[in-house]
């Protein structure tokens, strides 16, 4: 039996007769005449063509409106828009409380969407927009979200989510990567939405003039050190005196550390728990705070537990004030509440000031109220 003709070639008379016989057989199966069957095939082909046109139109509309799930935005590669750069420069100058995260083994700054939206709806943005006409107008939440979405559209900031750094290391012989507390490992999400609790990471680094200035300064410093033999005599003598003074200060610091350690060892056995000279000398504080206070007793386990309990009570009070719609910290000069404190609000006695003698026991034992449920951790807003 002759098959269908190749594309672009006219069918032979035998092929035409074969197609006519097939049409007649198909029409007879459906109980139709050949002309009725041909009209039915034409109607079906027209419906399929119209369905394809409607599907293409819907795809084009979704691409124009953003596509994907509600709130997502398509990202087209290309140079960033001037409006997006203006928004990025404004947000980088605001206090978004960024935190450091790891993206593709690189450290990046991450921030929450709600703080960026809050900055775009603030009076500061209105003032900045009066100076920079490139900033889009923001008058409600919807316009603030549309302005914020300029960042992912220009690849200046992208939405990320937290991932487990140990994922994918099962079954391997190499060790798992060490996790740093508070440092997230993140990955870029496919859909760039703008909900309050979502996190975005900065890919835009802003102006590089500071880095260029630091590079020029480092180059000048290296050249000055290399050309040290050509310096005038008084400058070389000044450098020598300065270096000797720095060595003296370092030696004095080591001597102070040795003296305070010897003093602590002696007082640890003579008057426990021991006395520290300059207790904040090696703490992560400022220069002047390292020498304040002058002396203090070694903290015992009871002192540490007391401080932990006081911090826990402060968190409970802060959570209670937030639940009641009050500010987290009471304003200065605000009248204290006259209501009696409940057992959950009672704060244990604070530790005695540095260098003071412990108070004498009163001889009476106060029964401690039953401990109530406490809030261990309150997330910072």
Foldseek 3Di string as FASTA:
>chain_A
DDDDDPPPDDDDPVVVVVVVVVLCVVCVVVVHHSVVSVVVVVVVVVVVVVVVVVVVVVVVVLLVVAHDDPQFHDADDDAADPQLLLLVVQLVPDPQVWDWAAEPNDIFTKGFLQSSLVSCPDVVVVVVCVVPVSHDDDDDSVVSQVSVVSCRNNVQKFWKDFDDQQPPVPPPPDDGDDDDPPYTYIYGDPTGGRDGGTMMTGPHPPDCVVVVVVVVVVVVVVVCVVCVVVDDPVVVVVVVVVVVVVVVVVVVVVVLVVVQVVQQVVCVVVPPPGKGAQPQLPPPDDPVNSNPPGMFHDDDPVLVVLVLQQVQLLVQQLVVCVVVVHHSDDDPPDDDDPDDDDLSNDRDDHDDDGPDDDDDDPPDDDDRDDHDDGDPDDDDD
